[in-house]
Amino acid sequence: MVIILESVCLPRNILLSNGCFAVTLDSNAQIRDFYFPYVGFENHAVGHPFRFGVWVDGKFEWIDATGTSEWLICLKP
């Protein structure tokens, strides 16, 4: 998986939302904002960084861009 986040100057690089739930990721692919049940109101993460991971085929790995994982994370326009 490749997600490019470098050279993008935004407070939050990625926003994932369905209208009732929103999660934003910073340039290190860490969760920074977590809104539920109303997007834009209660931010349960309060801007503090949280890692997230993926479990596939019996293997778990943290997703981050800080060099501690094998994932290459970048954002292509």
Protein backbone atom coordinates (compact mmCIF):
# COMPACT_ATOMS: atom_id res chain seq x y z
CA MET A 1 0.00 0.00 0.00
CA VAL A 2 1.27 3.47 -0.87
CA ILE A 3 -0.20 6.71 0.49
CA ILE A 4 1.84 9.85 -0.25
CA LEU A 5 1.53 12.63 2.35
CA GLU A 6 4.73 14.61 1.77
CA SER A 7 4.71 18.15 0.33
CA VAL A 8 1.10 18.79 1.34
CA CYS A 9 0.70 21.66 3.81
CA LEU A 10 -2.61 20.97 5.52
CA PRO A 11 -3.53 20.76 9.22
CA ARG A 12 -4.91 17.28 8.50
CA ASN A 13 -3.79 15.46 5.40
CA ILE A 14 -6.57 12.88 5.07
CA LEU A 15 -10.25 13.05 6.05
CA LEU A 16 -12.35 9.86 6.16
CA SER A 17 -16.05 10.44 6.75
CA ASN A 18 -19.54 9.16 6.07
CA GLY A 19 -21.39 12.19 7.44
CA CYS A 20 -21.98 10.80 10.96
CA PHE A 21 -18.41 9.72 11.66
CA ALA A 22 -15.17 11.48 10.70
CA VAL A 23 -11.51 10.64 11.25
CA THR A 24 -8.59 12.82 10.16
CA LEU A 25 -4.99 11.70 9.72
CA ASP A 26 -1.89 13.88 9.91
CA SER A 27 1.26 13.69 7.74
CA ASN A 28 2.50 10.69 9.79
CA ALA A 29 -0.79 8.82 9.19
CA GLN A 30 -1.71 9.15 12.86
CA ILE A 31 -5.34 9.73 13.85
CA ARG A 32 -5.67 13.34 15.05
CA ASP A 33 -9.41 13.96 15.07
CA PHE A 34 -12.29 11.58 15.72
CA TYR A 35 -15.80 12.99 15.41
CA PHE A 36 -18.87 10.98 16.39
CA PRO A 37 -21.90 11.08 16.30
CA TYR A 38 -21.90 14.59 14.74
CA VAL A 39 -19.06 15.63 12.44
CA GLY A 40 -17.50 18.89 13.63
CA PHE A 41 -18.85 18.82 17.19
CA GLU A 42 -17.33 16.40 19.71
CA ASN A 43 -13.71 15.70 18.79
CA HIS A 44 -12.91 12.66 20.91
CA ALA A 45 -9.20 12.70 20.01
CA VAL A 46 -8.86 16.44 20.82
CA GLY A 47 -5.99 16.67 18.32
CA HIS A 48 -3.75 14.22 20.19
CA PRO A 49 -2.00 11.64 17.97
CA PHE A 50 -3.22 8.03 17.94
CA ARG A 51 -1.79 5.21 15.87
CA PHE A 52 -3.95 2.69 14.08
CA GLY A 53 -3.14 -0.72 12.72
CA VAL A 54 -4.27 -3.28 10.20
CA TRP A 55 -4.77 -7.01 10.72
CA VAL A 56 -4.52 -9.03 7.50
CA ASP A 57 -4.03 -12.79 7.08
CA GLY A 58 -3.12 -13.26 10.74
CA LYS A 59 -0.48 -10.49 10.73
CA PHE A 60 -0.89 -7.15 12.54
CA GLU A 61 1.08 -4.04 11.70
CA TRP A 62 0.86 -0.43 12.86
CA ILE A 63 0.39 2.14 10.10
CA ASP A 64 2.67 5.14 10.42
CA ALA A 65 5.07 7.29 8.43
CA THR A 66 7.65 7.75 11.18
CA GLY A 67 9.93 5.02 9.87
CA THR A 68 8.88 2.29 12.31
CA SER A 69 6.80 0.33 9.81
CA GLU A 70 7.34 -1.13 6.36
CA TRP A 71 4.56 1.01 4.87
CA LEU A 72 5.41 3.81 2.46
CA ILE A 73 2.87 6.54 3.11
CA CYS A 74 2.47 9.41 0.65
CA LEU A 75 -0.26 11.48 -1.06
CA LYS A 76 -0.26 11.92 -4.82
CA PRO A 77 -2.33 14.84 -6.17
